[in-house]
Amino acid sequence: MNATTAVERQELVSHLAGKWKPQDMRDLAGTLMRLADSLDQGWDGSNVKAVFRWPGALSRIERNAMNLALKAQVIAASRTRRRAHLPDGVLGEPAWDMLLDLFQQFAGGAKVSTTSLCHASGVPSSTALRHIGLLEDLELVKRSHSAFDKRVTFIELTDAGVLAMGGYLEGV
């Protein structure tokens, strides 16, 4: 990295620190992590293919995944707004925040790195990892390794997780 780039980055950080709230910066960090996850998976938009299963609840949810993901996004944004008005720890449901994030990424055909999912939970990584383990024990999520970097582990919803979240979001 050259000195100009470092200076430009410092100016950007100074600008953001003066104008943005901490939660805005956290949201940007989450967006950047999801972008990095997508790039790590080789996603470029041209490789998204619809996969329709035999007619049933899962195929109905998959066909409507983008609309349901918008509902999940509204719920997640509402939860983020609550955090701006109430102290940390008052409204903790890290597993729910992770499931909302995972469903949104499922609708876009992306997996989520463990690091990004821990960030989405809004709790310390150690707490988030315990919740990921619980969700995995309940067979709502599964882990897989990146084909490009074996140090990266992705988390994605299982079919049972898609059914649970999709069923909930259909009723909202």
C-alpha atoms as a PDB file:
ATOM      1  CA  MET A   1       0.000   0.000   0.000  1.00  0.00           C
ATOM      2  CA  ASN A   2       1.401   3.378  -0.884  1.00  0.00           C
ATOM      3  CA  ALA A   3       1.401   6.469   1.339  1.00  0.00           C
ATOM      4  CA  THR A   4      -1.284   8.241  -0.716  1.00  0.00           C
ATOM      5  CA  THR A   5      -3.721   5.395  -0.178  1.00  0.00           C
ATOM      6  CA  ALA A   6      -3.043   5.366   3.563  1.00  0.00           C
ATOM      7  CA  VAL A   7      -3.592   9.144   3.756  1.00  0.00           C
ATOM      8  CA  GLU A   8      -6.804   8.899   1.758  1.00  0.00           C
ATOM      9  CA  ARG A   9      -8.037   6.119   4.011  1.00  0.00           C
ATOM     10  CA  GLN A  10      -7.239   8.194   7.121  1.00  0.00           C
ATOM     11  CA  GLU A  11      -9.140  11.167   5.657  1.00  0.00           C
ATOM     12  CA  LEU A  12     -12.137   8.941   4.955  1.00  0.00           C
ATOM     13  CA  VAL A  13     -12.073   7.530   8.492  1.00  0.00           C
ATOM     14  CA  SER A  14     -11.823  11.052   9.962  1.00  0.00           C
ATOM     15  CA  HIS A  15     -14.740  12.194   7.815  1.00  0.00           C
ATOM     16  CA  LEU A  16     -16.873   9.217   8.853  1.00  0.00           C
ATOM     17  CA  ALA A  17     -15.999   9.637  12.539  1.00  0.00           C
ATOM     18  CA  GLY A  18     -17.219  13.207  12.403  1.00  0.00           C
ATOM     19  CA  LYS A  19     -20.478  12.541  10.581  1.00  0.00           C
ATOM     20  CA  TRP A  20     -21.555   8.933  11.307  1.00  0.00           C
ATOM     21  CA  LYS A  21     -22.912   7.293  14.418  1.00  0.00           C
ATOM     22  CA  PRO A  22     -21.088   4.191  15.681  1.00  0.00           C
ATOM     23  CA  GLN A  23     -23.978   1.958  14.544  1.00  0.00           C
ATOM     24  CA  ASP A  24     -23.735   3.384  11.014  1.00  0.00           C
ATOM     25  CA  MET A  25     -20.073   2.395  10.967  1.00  0.00           C
ATOM     26  CA  ARG A  26     -20.901  -1.094  12.281  1.00  0.00           C
ATOM     27  CA  ASP A  27     -23.517  -1.485   9.546  1.00  0.00           C
ATOM     28  CA  LEU A  28     -20.938  -0.456   6.936  1.00  0.00           C
ATOM     29  CA  ALA A  29     -18.466  -2.965   8.390  1.00  0.00           C
ATOM     30  CA  GLY A  30     -21.100  -5.697   8.139  1.00  0.00           C
ATOM     31  CA  THR A  31     -21.841  -4.781   4.539  1.00  0.00           C
ATOM     32  CA  LEU A  32     -18.133  -4.871   3.694  1.00  0.00           C
ATOM     33  CA  MET A  33     -17.764  -8.292   5.344  1.00  0.00           C
ATOM     34  CA  ARG A  34     -20.702  -9.666   3.347  1.00  0.00           C
ATOM     35  CA  LEU A  35     -19.150  -8.237   0.172  1.00  0.00           C
ATOM     36  CA  ALA A  36     -15.836  -9.897   1.037  1.00  0.00           C
ATOM     37  CA  ASP A  37     -17.689 -13.189   1.674  1.00  0.00           C
ATOM     38  CA  SER A  38     -19.345 -12.940  -1.738  1.00  0.00           C
ATOM     39  CA  LEU A  39     -16.059 -12.200  -3.476  1.00  0.00           C
ATOM     40  CA  ASP A  40     -14.407 -15.075  -1.607  1.00  0.00           C
ATOM     41  CA  GLN A  41     -17.086 -17.383  -3.015  1.00  0.00           C
ATOM     42  CA  GLY A  42     -16.438 -16.149  -6.542  1.00  0.00           C
ATOM     43  CA  TRP A  43     -19.863 -14.516  -6.762  1.00  0.00           C
ATOM     44  CA  ASP A  44     -20.327 -12.192  -9.705  1.00  0.00           C
ATOM     45  CA  GLY A  45     -24.079 -12.267 -10.231  1.00  0.00           C
ATOM     46  CA  SER A  46     -23.923 -14.335 -13.408  1.00  0.00           C
ATOM     47  CA  ASN A  47     -23.688 -17.614 -11.502  1.00  0.00           C
ATOM     48  CA  VAL A  48     -27.006 -17.224  -9.627  1.00  0.00           C
ATOM     49  CA  LYS A  49     -29.390 -19.959 -10.672  1.00  0.00           C
ATOM     50  CA  ALA A  50     -32.851 -20.658  -9.358  1.00  0.00           C
ATOM     51  CA  VAL A  51     -33.203 -24.126  -7.892  1.00  0.00           C
ATOM     52  CA  PHE A  52     -36.788 -25.235  -7.651  1.00  0.00           C
ATOM     53  CA  ARG A  53     -37.657 -28.398  -5.801  1.00  0.00           C
ATOM     54  CA  TRP A  54     -40.682 -30.613  -5.966  1.00  0.00           C
ATOM     55  CA  PRO A  55     -43.725 -28.481  -5.085  1.00  0.00           C
ATOM     56  CA  GLY A  56     -44.054 -28.040  -1.347  1.00  0.00           C
ATOM     57  CA  ALA A  57     -43.369 -25.642   1.482  1.00  0.00           C
ATOM     58  CA  LEU A  58     -39.630 -25.407   0.790  1.00  0.00           C
ATOM     59  CA  SER A  59     -40.050 -24.695  -2.922  1.00  0.00           C
ATOM     60  CA  ARG A  60     -42.730 -22.083  -2.144  1.00  0.00           C
ATOM     61  CA  ILE A  61     -40.347 -20.325   0.249  1.00  0.00           C
ATOM     62  CA  GLU A  62     -37.466 -20.540  -2.235  1.00  0.00           C
ATOM     63  CA  ARG A  63     -39.601 -19.012  -5.013  1.00  0.00           C
ATOM     64  CA  ASN A  64     -40.620 -16.182  -2.691  1.00  0.00           C
ATOM     65  CA  ALA A  65     -37.210 -15.849  -0.993  1.00  0.00           C
ATOM     66  CA  MET A  66     -36.455 -12.320  -2.198  1.00  0.00           C
ATOM     67  CA  ASN A  67     -39.766 -10.927  -0.892  1.00  0.00           C
ATOM     68  CA  LEU A  68     -39.284 -12.758   2.389  1.00  0.00           C
ATOM     69  CA  ALA A  69     -35.706 -11.468   2.596  1.00  0.00           C
ATOM     70  CA  LEU A  70     -37.055  -7.910   2.338  1.00  0.00           C
ATOM     71  CA  LYS A  71     -39.255  -8.650   5.353  1.00  0.00           C
ATOM     72  CA  ALA A  72     -36.207 -10.021   7.176  1.00  0.00           C
ATOM     73  CA  GLN A  73     -34.309  -6.852   6.271  1.00  0.00           C
ATOM     74  CA  VAL A  74     -37.077  -4.649   7.699  1.00  0.00           C
ATOM     75  CA  ILE A  75     -37.098  -6.680  10.934  1.00  0.00           C
ATOM     76  CA  ALA A  76     -33.297  -6.518  11.201  1.00  0.00           C
ATOM     77  CA  ALA A  77     -33.297  -2.753  10.584  1.00  0.00           C
ATOM     78  CA  SER A  78     -35.945  -2.294  13.257  1.00  0.00           C
ATOM     79  CA  ARG A  79     -33.826  -4.272  15.711  1.00  0.00           C
ATOM     80  CA  THR A  80     -30.813  -2.107  14.862  1.00  0.00           C
ATOM     81  CA  ARG A  81     -32.839   1.075  15.462  1.00  0.00           C
ATOM     82  CA  ARG A  82     -33.888  -0.236  18.892  1.00  0.00           C
ATOM     83  CA  ARG A  83     -30.211  -0.614  19.850  1.00  0.00           C
ATOM     84  CA  ALA A  84     -29.682   3.110  19.236  1.00  0.00           C
ATOM     85  CA  HIS A  85     -32.189   3.946  21.985  1.00  0.00           C
ATOM     86  CA  LEU A  86     -31.640   1.230  24.578  1.00  0.00           C
ATOM     87  CA  PRO A  87     -28.507   0.074  26.397  1.00  0.00           C
ATOM     88  CA  ASP A  88     -26.530  -2.902  25.112  1.00  0.00           C
ATOM     89  CA  GLY A  89     -27.666  -6.199  26.554  1.00  0.00           C
ATOM     90  CA  VAL A  90     -31.269  -5.199  27.190  1.00  0.00           C
ATOM     91  CA  LEU A  91     -32.684  -6.754  24.024  1.00  0.00           C
ATOM     92  CA  GLY A  92     -30.322  -9.606  23.278  1.00  0.00           C
ATOM     93  CA  GLU A  93     -31.370 -12.298  20.815  1.00  0.00           C
ATOM     94  CA  PRO A  94     -28.147 -13.006  18.931  1.00  0.00           C
ATOM     95  CA  ALA A  95     -29.392 -16.248  17.381  1.00  0.00           C
ATOM     96  CA  TRP A  96     -32.414 -14.421  15.936  1.00  0.00           C
ATOM     97  CA  ASP A  97     -30.211 -11.682  14.481  1.00  0.00           C
ATOM     98  CA  MET A  98     -28.029 -14.368  12.885  1.00  0.00           C
ATOM     99  CA  LEU A  99     -31.021 -16.222  11.433  1.00  0.00           C
ATOM    100  CA  LEU A 100     -32.355 -12.992   9.904  1.00  0.00           C
ATOM    101  CA  ASP A 101     -28.955 -12.302   8.330  1.00  0.00           C
ATOM    102  CA  LEU A 102     -28.624 -15.885   7.081  1.00  0.00           C
ATOM    103  CA  PHE A 103     -32.063 -15.794   5.445  1.00  0.00           C
ATOM    104  CA  GLN A 104     -31.266 -12.552   3.659  1.00  0.00           C
ATOM    105  CA  GLN A 105     -28.041 -14.056   2.334  1.00  0.00           C
ATOM    106  CA  PHE A 106     -29.828 -17.310   1.404  1.00  0.00           C
ATOM    107  CA  ALA A 107     -32.230 -15.296  -0.773  1.00  0.00           C
ATOM    108  CA  GLY A 108     -29.242 -13.806  -2.596  1.00  0.00           C
ATOM    109  CA  GLY A 109     -27.572 -17.186  -3.001  1.00  0.00           C
ATOM    110  CA  ALA A 110     -24.657 -16.409  -0.685  1.00  0.00           C
ATOM    111  CA  LYS A 111     -23.096 -18.121   2.279  1.00  0.00           C
ATOM    112  CA  VAL A 112     -21.947 -16.093   5.277  1.00  0.00           C
ATOM    113  CA  SER A 113     -18.527 -16.357   6.897  1.00  0.00           C
ATOM    114  CA  THR A 114     -18.391 -17.127  10.589  1.00  0.00           C
ATOM    115  CA  THR A 115     -16.737 -13.743  11.176  1.00  0.00           C
ATOM    116  CA  SER A 116     -19.509 -11.884   9.354  1.00  0.00           C
ATOM    117  CA  LEU A 117     -22.216 -13.853  11.176  1.00  0.00           C
ATOM    118  CA  CYS A 118     -20.609 -13.097  14.551  1.00  0.00           C
ATOM    119  CA  HIS A 119     -20.695  -9.416  13.607  1.00  0.00           C
ATOM    120  CA  ALA A 120     -24.364  -9.673  12.579  1.00  0.00           C
ATOM    121  CA  SER A 121     -25.237 -11.115  15.995  1.00  0.00           C
ATOM    122  CA  GLY A 122     -24.234  -7.909  17.755  1.00  0.00           C
ATOM    123  CA  VAL A 123     -22.556  -9.800  20.618  1.00  0.00           C
ATOM    124  CA  PRO A 124     -18.947 -10.802  21.364  1.00  0.00           C
ATOM    125  CA  SER A 125     -17.572 -13.545  19.120  1.00  0.00           C
ATOM    126  CA  SER A 126     -17.425 -16.080  21.948  1.00  0.00           C
ATOM    127  CA  THR A 127     -21.144 -15.618  22.620  1.00  0.00           C
ATOM    128  CA  ALA A 128     -21.984 -15.677  18.908  1.00  0.00           C
ATOM    129  CA  LEU A 129     -20.003 -18.900  18.404  1.00  0.00           C
ATOM    130  CA  ARG A 130     -21.989 -20.577  21.194  1.00  0.00           C
ATOM    131  CA  HIS A 131     -25.215 -19.567  19.458  1.00  0.00           C
ATOM    132  CA  ILE A 132     -23.939 -20.831  16.103  1.00  0.00           C
ATOM    133  CA  GLY A 133     -23.206 -24.158  17.810  1.00  0.00           C
ATOM    134  CA  LEU A 134     -26.732 -24.235  19.229  1.00  0.00           C
ATOM    135  CA  LEU A 135     -28.258 -23.470  15.816  1.00  0.00           C
ATOM    136  CA  GLU A 136     -26.094 -26.210  14.329  1.00  0.00           C
ATOM    137  CA  ASP A 137     -27.199 -28.687  17.031  1.00  0.00           C
ATOM    138  CA  LEU A 138     -30.806 -27.822  16.151  1.00  0.00           C
ATOM    139  CA  GLU A 139     -29.916 -28.522  12.486  1.00  0.00           C
ATOM    140  CA  LEU A 140     -30.988 -25.034  11.416  1.00  0.00           C
ATOM    141  CA  VAL A 141     -27.529 -24.140  10.068  1.00  0.00           C
ATOM    142  CA  LYS A 142     -24.538 -25.983   8.674  1.00  0.00           C
ATOM    143  CA  ARG A 143     -20.882 -25.135   8.243  1.00  0.00           C
ATOM    144  CA  SER A 144     -18.705 -25.542   5.169  1.00  0.00           C
ATOM    145  CA  HIS A 145     -15.173 -24.518   4.264  1.00  0.00           C
ATOM    146  CA  SER A 146     -14.304 -22.040   1.554  1.00  0.00           C
ATOM    147  CA  ALA A 147     -13.026 -23.640  -1.630  1.00  0.00           C
ATOM    148  CA  PHE A 148     -10.559 -20.768  -1.956  1.00  0.00           C
ATOM    149  CA  ASP A 149      -9.316 -20.317   1.612  1.00  0.00           C
ATOM    150  CA  LYS A 150      -9.508 -23.221   4.057  1.00  0.00           C
ATOM    151  CA  ARG A 151      -9.189 -20.789   6.975  1.00  0.00           C
ATOM    152  CA  VAL A 152     -12.649 -19.408   6.155  1.00  0.00           C
ATOM    153  CA  THR A 153     -15.721 -21.267   7.364  1.00  0.00           C
ATOM    154  CA  PHE A 154     -19.127 -20.417   5.962  1.00  0.00           C
ATOM    155  CA  ILE A 155     -22.455 -20.800   7.734  1.00  0.00           C
ATOM    156  CA  GLU A 156     -25.674 -21.309   5.810  1.00  0.00           C
ATOM    157  CA  LEU A 157     -29.241 -22.280   6.563  1.00  0.00           C
ATOM    158  CA  THR A 158     -30.198 -25.924   6.188  1.00  0.00           C
ATOM    159  CA  ASP A 159     -33.493 -26.826   4.529  1.00  0.00           C
ATOM    160  CA  ALA A 160     -35.008 -26.975   8.044  1.00  0.00           C
ATOM    161  CA  GLY A 161     -33.638 -23.474   8.730  1.00  0.00           C
ATOM    162  CA  VAL A 162     -35.072 -22.139   5.468  1.00  0.00           C
ATOM    163  CA  LEU A 163     -38.454 -23.673   6.306  1.00  0.00           C
ATOM    164  CA  ALA A 164     -38.430 -22.256   9.844  1.00  0.00           C
ATOM    165  CA  MET A 165     -37.413 -18.738   8.836  1.00  0.00           C
ATOM    166  CA  GLY A 166     -39.485 -18.694   5.643  1.00  0.00           C
ATOM    167  CA  GLY A 167     -42.550 -19.955   7.490  1.00  0.00           C
ATOM    168  CA  TYR A 168     -42.156 -17.231  10.094  1.00  0.00           C
ATOM    169  CA  LEU A 169     -41.562 -14.483   7.521  1.00  0.00           C
ATOM    170  CA  GLU A 170     -44.566 -15.565   5.445  1.00  0.00           C
ATOM    171  CA  GLY A 171     -46.750 -14.923   8.484  1.00  0.00           C
ATOM    172  CA  VAL A 172     -45.344 -11.463   9.242  1.00  0.00           C
END
